[in-house]
N, C-alpha and C. Protein backbone atom coordinates (compact mmCIF):
# COMPACT_ATOMS: atom_id res chain seq x y z
N MET A 1 -10.53 9.30 -5.66
CA MET A 1 -10.81 9.91 -4.38
C MET A 1 -10.37 11.37 -4.44
N GLU A 2 -11.19 12.24 -3.88
CA GLU A 2 -10.91 13.67 -3.86
C GLU A 2 -10.81 14.14 -2.41
N LEU A 3 -10.09 15.23 -2.18
CA LEU A 3 -9.88 15.75 -0.84
C LEU A 3 -10.35 17.20 -0.78
N ALA A 4 -11.03 17.57 0.31
CA ALA A 4 -11.46 18.94 0.54
C ALA A 4 -11.14 19.30 1.99
N THR A 5 -10.96 20.57 2.25
CA THR A 5 -10.65 21.05 3.59
C THR A 5 -11.85 21.80 4.17
N VAL A 6 -12.14 21.55 5.43
CA VAL A 6 -13.25 22.22 6.10
C VAL A 6 -12.74 23.55 6.66
N THR A 7 -13.47 24.65 6.39
CA THR A 7 -13.09 25.96 6.91
C THR A 7 -13.60 26.11 8.34
N SER A 8 -13.23 27.21 8.99
CA SER A 8 -13.67 27.46 10.37
C SER A 8 -15.19 27.62 10.46
N LYS A 9 -15.83 27.92 9.32
CA LYS A 9 -17.29 28.07 9.28
C LYS A 9 -17.98 26.76 8.88
N GLY A 10 -17.23 25.68 8.75
CA GLY A 10 -17.82 24.39 8.40
C GLY A 10 -18.07 24.23 6.91
N GLN A 11 -17.47 25.08 6.10
CA GLN A 11 -17.69 25.02 4.66
C GLN A 11 -16.58 24.22 3.97
N ILE A 12 -16.93 23.63 2.83
CA ILE A 12 -15.94 22.95 2.00
C ILE A 12 -16.16 23.37 0.55
N THR A 13 -15.12 23.26 -0.24
CA THR A 13 -15.26 23.44 -1.68
C THR A 13 -15.34 22.05 -2.29
N ILE A 14 -16.40 21.80 -3.02
CA ILE A 14 -16.56 20.48 -3.65
C ILE A 14 -15.64 20.44 -4.87
N PRO A 15 -14.77 19.44 -4.95
CA PRO A 15 -13.84 19.36 -6.08
C PRO A 15 -14.57 19.33 -7.43
N VAL A 16 -13.94 19.90 -8.43
CA VAL A 16 -14.53 20.03 -9.77
C VAL A 16 -15.01 18.68 -10.31
N LYS A 17 -14.21 17.63 -10.17
CA LYS A 17 -14.61 16.31 -10.69
C LYS A 17 -15.93 15.85 -10.07
N ILE A 18 -16.08 16.09 -8.78
CA ILE A 18 -17.31 15.69 -8.07
C ILE A 18 -18.48 16.56 -8.52
N ARG A 19 -18.26 17.88 -8.61
CA ARG A 19 -19.33 18.78 -9.09
C ARG A 19 -19.80 18.36 -10.47
N ASN A 20 -18.87 18.02 -11.34
CA ASN A 20 -19.24 17.60 -12.70
C ASN A 20 -20.02 16.29 -12.68
N LYS A 21 -19.60 15.34 -11.89
CA LYS A 21 -20.30 14.05 -11.81
C LYS A 21 -21.73 14.22 -11.31
N LEU A 22 -21.93 15.18 -10.40
CA LEU A 22 -23.26 15.41 -9.83
C LEU A 22 -24.04 16.49 -10.58
N SER A 23 -23.44 17.03 -11.64
CA SER A 23 -24.05 18.12 -12.42
C SER A 23 -24.44 19.29 -11.52
N LEU A 24 -23.57 19.63 -10.57
CA LEU A 24 -23.83 20.73 -9.65
C LEU A 24 -23.42 22.06 -10.28
N LYS A 25 -24.30 23.03 -10.12
CA LYS A 25 -24.04 24.37 -10.61
C LYS A 25 -24.24 25.36 -9.46
N THR A 26 -23.77 26.58 -9.62
CA THR A 26 -23.92 27.61 -8.60
C THR A 26 -25.39 27.73 -8.19
N GLY A 27 -25.64 27.71 -6.90
CA GLY A 27 -27.00 27.84 -6.39
C GLY A 27 -27.72 26.52 -6.17
N ASP A 28 -27.19 25.42 -6.70
CA ASP A 28 -27.82 24.12 -6.49
C ASP A 28 -27.74 23.74 -5.01
N GLN A 29 -28.67 22.91 -4.59
CA GLN A 29 -28.67 22.40 -3.23
C GLN A 29 -28.24 20.95 -3.24
N VAL A 30 -27.58 20.53 -2.16
CA VAL A 30 -27.19 19.13 -2.03
C VAL A 30 -27.90 18.55 -0.82
N PHE A 31 -28.14 17.26 -0.89
CA PHE A 31 -28.86 16.53 0.14
C PHE A 31 -27.89 15.58 0.81
N PHE A 32 -27.73 15.69 2.13
CA PHE A 32 -26.84 14.81 2.89
C PHE A 32 -27.67 13.72 3.56
N MET A 33 -27.17 12.49 3.54
CA MET A 33 -27.87 11.40 4.19
C MET A 33 -26.86 10.37 4.71
N GLU A 34 -27.30 9.61 5.67
CA GLU A 34 -26.45 8.56 6.21
C GLU A 34 -26.88 7.23 5.61
N GLU A 35 -25.92 6.51 5.09
CA GLU A 35 -26.18 5.18 4.52
C GLU A 35 -25.12 4.21 5.02
N LYS A 36 -25.56 3.22 5.76
CA LYS A 36 -24.66 2.17 6.24
C LYS A 36 -23.46 2.75 6.97
N GLY A 37 -23.72 3.74 7.83
CA GLY A 37 -22.66 4.32 8.64
C GLY A 37 -21.79 5.34 7.94
N LYS A 38 -22.11 5.69 6.69
CA LYS A 38 -21.34 6.68 5.94
C LYS A 38 -22.26 7.84 5.59
N ILE A 39 -21.68 9.03 5.49
CA ILE A 39 -22.43 10.20 5.05
C ILE A 39 -22.17 10.38 3.56
N VAL A 40 -23.25 10.44 2.80
CA VAL A 40 -23.15 10.66 1.35
C VAL A 40 -24.00 11.86 0.98
N PHE A 41 -23.71 12.47 -0.14
CA PHE A 41 -24.54 13.57 -0.58
C PHE A 41 -24.83 13.47 -2.06
N GLN A 42 -25.97 14.04 -2.45
CA GLN A 42 -26.42 14.01 -3.83
C GLN A 42 -26.97 15.37 -4.21
N ASN A 43 -27.03 15.61 -5.50
CA ASN A 43 -27.67 16.80 -6.03
C ASN A 43 -29.17 16.68 -5.69
N ALA A 44 -29.71 17.64 -4.96
CA ALA A 44 -31.11 17.57 -4.50
C ALA A 44 -32.08 17.51 -5.67
N SER A 45 -31.79 18.22 -6.76
CA SER A 45 -32.71 18.20 -7.90
C SER A 45 -32.75 16.83 -8.56
N GLN A 46 -31.64 16.11 -8.54
CA GLN A 46 -31.63 14.76 -9.10
C GLN A 46 -32.47 13.81 -8.27
N ILE A 47 -32.46 14.00 -6.96
CA ILE A 47 -33.30 13.18 -6.07
C ILE A 47 -34.77 13.46 -6.35
N ALA A 48 -35.10 14.75 -6.49
CA ALA A 48 -36.50 15.11 -6.76
C ALA A 48 -36.96 14.52 -8.09
N LEU A 49 -36.14 14.63 -9.12
CA LEU A 49 -36.51 14.08 -10.43
C LEU A 49 -36.67 12.57 -10.37
N SER A 50 -35.76 11.91 -9.70
CA SER A 50 -35.83 10.46 -9.56
C SER A 50 -37.10 10.03 -8.83
N THR A 51 -37.46 10.76 -7.79
CA THR A 51 -38.67 10.46 -7.02
C THR A 51 -39.91 10.61 -7.88
N ILE A 52 -39.98 11.70 -8.63
CA ILE A 52 -41.13 11.94 -9.51
C ILE A 52 -41.22 10.84 -10.57
N GLN A 53 -40.08 10.47 -11.15
CA GLN A 53 -40.09 9.43 -12.17
C GLN A 53 -40.61 8.11 -11.61
N LYS A 54 -40.20 7.76 -10.40
CA LYS A 54 -40.68 6.52 -9.77
C LYS A 54 -42.19 6.58 -9.53
N GLU A 55 -42.66 7.74 -9.06
CA GLU A 55 -44.09 7.88 -8.78
C GLU A 55 -44.94 7.86 -10.04
N MET A 56 -44.38 8.33 -11.14
CA MET A 56 -45.12 8.40 -12.41
C MET A 56 -45.01 7.12 -13.23
N ASP A 57 -44.17 6.20 -12.81
CA ASP A 57 -43.95 4.97 -13.57
C ASP A 57 -45.27 4.23 -13.80
N GLY A 58 -45.62 4.02 -15.06
CA GLY A 58 -46.82 3.27 -15.43
C GLY A 58 -48.08 4.11 -15.54
N LYS A 59 -48.03 5.36 -15.10
CA LYS A 59 -49.23 6.21 -15.12
C LYS A 59 -49.66 6.54 -16.56
N ALA A 60 -48.71 6.79 -17.45
CA ALA A 60 -49.05 7.13 -18.84
C ALA A 60 -49.79 5.98 -19.51
N GLU A 61 -49.31 4.77 -19.30
CA GLU A 61 -49.95 3.61 -19.91
C GLU A 61 -51.38 3.44 -19.38
N LYS A 62 -51.55 3.66 -18.07
CA LYS A 62 -52.88 3.54 -17.47
C LYS A 62 -53.83 4.60 -18.01
N ALA A 63 -53.28 5.76 -18.40
CA ALA A 63 -54.10 6.85 -18.93
C ALA A 63 -54.35 6.68 -20.43
N GLY A 64 -53.78 5.65 -21.02
CA GLY A 64 -54.03 5.38 -22.43
C GLY A 64 -52.99 5.91 -23.40
N PHE A 65 -51.90 6.47 -22.88
CA PHE A 65 -50.83 6.96 -23.75
C PHE A 65 -49.90 5.80 -24.08
N LYS A 66 -49.75 5.56 -25.38
CA LYS A 66 -48.89 4.46 -25.81
C LYS A 66 -47.56 4.94 -26.37
N THR A 67 -47.54 6.14 -26.92
CA THR A 67 -46.32 6.68 -27.51
C THR A 67 -46.10 8.12 -27.04
N GLU A 68 -44.91 8.62 -27.28
CA GLU A 68 -44.61 10.01 -26.96
C GLU A 68 -45.49 10.95 -27.79
N GLU A 69 -45.80 10.52 -29.00
CA GLU A 69 -46.66 11.33 -29.86
C GLU A 69 -48.06 11.48 -29.25
N ASP A 70 -48.55 10.43 -28.59
CA ASP A 70 -49.85 10.52 -27.90
C ASP A 70 -49.83 11.63 -26.85
N VAL A 71 -48.73 11.72 -26.12
CA VAL A 71 -48.59 12.75 -25.08
C VAL A 71 -48.55 14.13 -25.72
N VAL A 72 -47.78 14.29 -26.79
CA VAL A 72 -47.67 15.57 -27.48
C VAL A 72 -49.03 16.01 -28.01
N ASP A 73 -49.76 15.08 -28.61
CA ASP A 73 -51.10 15.40 -29.13
C ASP A 73 -52.03 15.85 -28.01
N TYR A 74 -51.95 15.18 -26.86
CA TYR A 74 -52.79 15.53 -25.72
C TYR A 74 -52.47 16.95 -25.22
N ILE A 75 -51.19 17.27 -25.16
CA ILE A 75 -50.78 18.61 -24.72
C ILE A 75 -51.29 19.66 -25.70
N LYS A 76 -51.23 19.36 -27.00
CA LYS A 76 -51.75 20.30 -28.01
C LYS A 76 -53.25 20.52 -27.81
N GLU A 77 -53.98 19.44 -27.50
CA GLU A 77 -55.42 19.56 -27.25
C GLU A 77 -55.69 20.46 -26.05
N LEU A 78 -54.94 20.27 -24.98
CA LEU A 78 -55.13 21.08 -23.78
C LEU A 78 -54.84 22.55 -24.06
N ARG A 79 -53.80 22.82 -24.82
CA ARG A 79 -53.44 24.20 -25.14
C ARG A 79 -54.50 24.85 -26.03
N ALA A 80 -55.10 24.06 -26.90
CA ALA A 80 -56.13 24.61 -27.80
C ALA A 80 -57.39 25.00 -27.03
N LYS A 81 -57.64 24.36 -25.91
CA LYS A 81 -58.84 24.64 -25.11
C LYS A 81 -58.72 25.95 -24.34
N LYS A 82 -57.53 26.52 -24.22
CA LYS A 82 -57.35 27.76 -23.46
C LYS A 82 -57.89 28.95 -24.17
């Protein structure tokens, strides 16, 4: 458990251990949400990446890509067409 103090402007300093666990860097945004009566926060970029990964799940297989090499070859083909 970590402790932070709220300033008169409503700001807090996120403890180093928490910043490291969330991979937070200067300029990153955090997302606050309520879950089961508690307020939790996450690194906003991690939420975005997780959302994209969920939405893309199974799309590569449906498009005929079976291996990572298939994807790399496809990207090379697209770049060659430019």
